């Protein structure tokens, strides 16, 4: 039997609690990005560009490195 608060669309249902921190992180990354930057983020393990920052560039290595930090 499912709890009634989940059936009613309570904000504490699965997936909802992590949205706010993820949106804040994405906003921070986008705020630090620059149209003319030469640096971008790459996963050190597999070489892929992470989705939140895949299309973004940064002015310096320090700014790029700091962007995903919370």
C-alpha atoms as a PDB file:
ATOM      1  CA  UNK A   1       0.000   0.000   0.000  1.00  0.00           C
ATOM      2  CA  UNK A   2       1.389   3.427  -0.984  1.00  0.00           C
ATOM      3  CA  UNK A   3       1.510   6.273   1.509  1.00  0.00           C
ATOM      4  CA  UNK A   4      -1.111   8.939   0.938  1.00  0.00           C
ATOM      5  CA  UNK A   5       1.360  11.875   1.001  1.00  0.00           C
ATOM      6  CA  UNK A   6       3.249  10.386  -1.956  1.00  0.00           C
ATOM      7  CA  UNK A   7       0.046   9.764  -3.849  1.00  0.00           C
ATOM      8  CA  UNK A   8      -0.946  13.391  -3.287  1.00  0.00           C
ATOM      9  CA  UNK A   9       2.312  14.617  -4.859  1.00  0.00           C
ATOM     10  CA  UNK A  10       4.193  15.563  -1.692  1.00  0.00           C
ATOM     11  CA  UNK A  11       7.482  17.353  -2.496  1.00  0.00           C
ATOM     12  CA  UNK A  12       9.368  14.870  -0.341  1.00  0.00           C
ATOM     13  CA  UNK A  13       8.694  12.036  -2.777  1.00  0.00           C
ATOM     14  CA  UNK A  14      11.601  10.330  -4.547  1.00  0.00           C
ATOM     15  CA  UNK A  15      13.831  12.574  -6.630  1.00  0.00           C
ATOM     16  CA  UNK A  16      12.531  15.864  -5.311  1.00  0.00           C
ATOM     17  CA  UNK A  17      15.028  16.412  -2.494  1.00  0.00           C
ATOM     18  CA  UNK A  18      18.046  16.457  -4.816  1.00  0.00           C
ATOM     19  CA  UNK A  19      16.626  18.913  -7.356  1.00  0.00           C
ATOM     20  CA  UNK A  20      17.382  22.072  -5.419  1.00  0.00           C
ATOM     21  CA  UNK A  21      21.117  21.364  -4.822  1.00  0.00           C
ATOM     22  CA  UNK A  22      21.556  20.227  -8.425  1.00  0.00           C
ATOM     23  CA  UNK A  23      19.889  23.344  -9.779  1.00  0.00           C
ATOM     24  CA  UNK A  24      22.083  25.488  -7.519  1.00  0.00           C
ATOM     25  CA  UNK A  25      25.220  23.713  -8.769  1.00  0.00           C
ATOM     26  CA  UNK A  26      24.194  24.115 -12.407  1.00  0.00           C
ATOM     27  CA  UNK A  27      23.496  27.826 -11.811  1.00  0.00           C
ATOM     28  CA  UNK A  28      26.934  28.255 -10.178  1.00  0.00           C
ATOM     29  CA  UNK A  29      28.697  26.554 -13.089  1.00  0.00           C
ATOM     30  CA  UNK A  30      26.833  28.688 -15.637  1.00  0.00           C
ATOM     31  CA  UNK A  31      27.606  31.878 -13.670  1.00  0.00           C
ATOM     32  CA  UNK A  32      31.354  31.157 -13.790  1.00  0.00           C
ATOM     33  CA  UNK A  33      31.358  30.312 -17.501  1.00  0.00           C
ATOM     34  CA  UNK A  34      32.677  32.695 -20.145  1.00  0.00           C
ATOM     35  CA  UNK A  35      31.884  32.982 -23.855  1.00  0.00           C
ATOM     36  CA  UNK A  36      35.548  33.576 -24.704  1.00  0.00           C
ATOM     37  CA  UNK A  37      37.159  31.113 -22.260  1.00  0.00           C
ATOM     38  CA  UNK A  38      39.844  28.653 -23.312  1.00  0.00           C
ATOM     39  CA  UNK A  39      39.264  26.062 -20.575  1.00  0.00           C
ATOM     40  CA  UNK A  40      36.542  23.454 -20.145  1.00  0.00           C
ATOM     41  CA  UNK A  41      35.777  20.596 -17.757  1.00  0.00           C
ATOM     42  CA  UNK A  42      36.782  17.016 -18.552  1.00  0.00           C
ATOM     43  CA  UNK A  43      36.447  13.884 -16.431  1.00  0.00           C
ATOM     44  CA  UNK A  44      39.959  12.807 -15.400  1.00  0.00           C
ATOM     45  CA  UNK A  45      38.965   9.138 -15.443  1.00  0.00           C
ATOM     46  CA  UNK A  46      37.190   8.754 -18.786  1.00  0.00           C
ATOM     47  CA  UNK A  47      37.848  12.001 -20.681  1.00  0.00           C
ATOM     48  CA  UNK A  48      34.170  12.842 -21.168  1.00  0.00           C
ATOM     49  CA  UNK A  49      32.795  16.315 -20.607  1.00  0.00           C
ATOM     50  CA  UNK A  50      30.232  16.367 -17.777  1.00  0.00           C
ATOM     51  CA  UNK A  51      26.677  17.159 -18.875  1.00  0.00           C
ATOM     52  CA  UNK A  52      26.077  20.275 -16.745  1.00  0.00           C
ATOM     53  CA  UNK A  53      29.142  21.939 -18.252  1.00  0.00           C
ATOM     54  CA  UNK A  54      29.570  20.144 -21.585  1.00  0.00           C
ATOM     55  CA  UNK A  55      28.988  23.260 -23.688  1.00  0.00           C
ATOM     56  CA  UNK A  56      30.598  25.782 -21.304  1.00  0.00           C
ATOM     57  CA  UNK A  57      34.068  27.337 -21.290  1.00  0.00           C
ATOM     58  CA  UNK A  58      35.929  29.201 -18.550  1.00  0.00           C
ATOM     59  CA  UNK A  59      38.459  32.057 -18.480  1.00  0.00           C
ATOM     60  CA  UNK A  60      41.099  30.229 -16.449  1.00  0.00           C
ATOM     61  CA  UNK A  61      42.029  26.798 -15.179  1.00  0.00           C
ATOM     62  CA  UNK A  62      41.356  27.945 -11.610  1.00  0.00           C
ATOM     63  CA  UNK A  63      37.816  29.069 -12.465  1.00  0.00           C
ATOM     64  CA  UNK A  64      37.117  25.834 -14.366  1.00  0.00           C
ATOM     65  CA  UNK A  65      38.436  23.766 -11.467  1.00  0.00           C
ATOM     66  CA  UNK A  66      36.372  25.732  -8.921  1.00  0.00           C
ATOM     67  CA  UNK A  67      33.121  25.633 -10.901  1.00  0.00           C
ATOM     68  CA  UNK A  68      31.829  22.196  -9.793  1.00  0.00           C
ATOM     69  CA  UNK A  69      32.774  22.751  -6.147  1.00  0.00           C
ATOM     70  CA  UNK A  70      29.889  23.321  -3.752  1.00  0.00           C
END
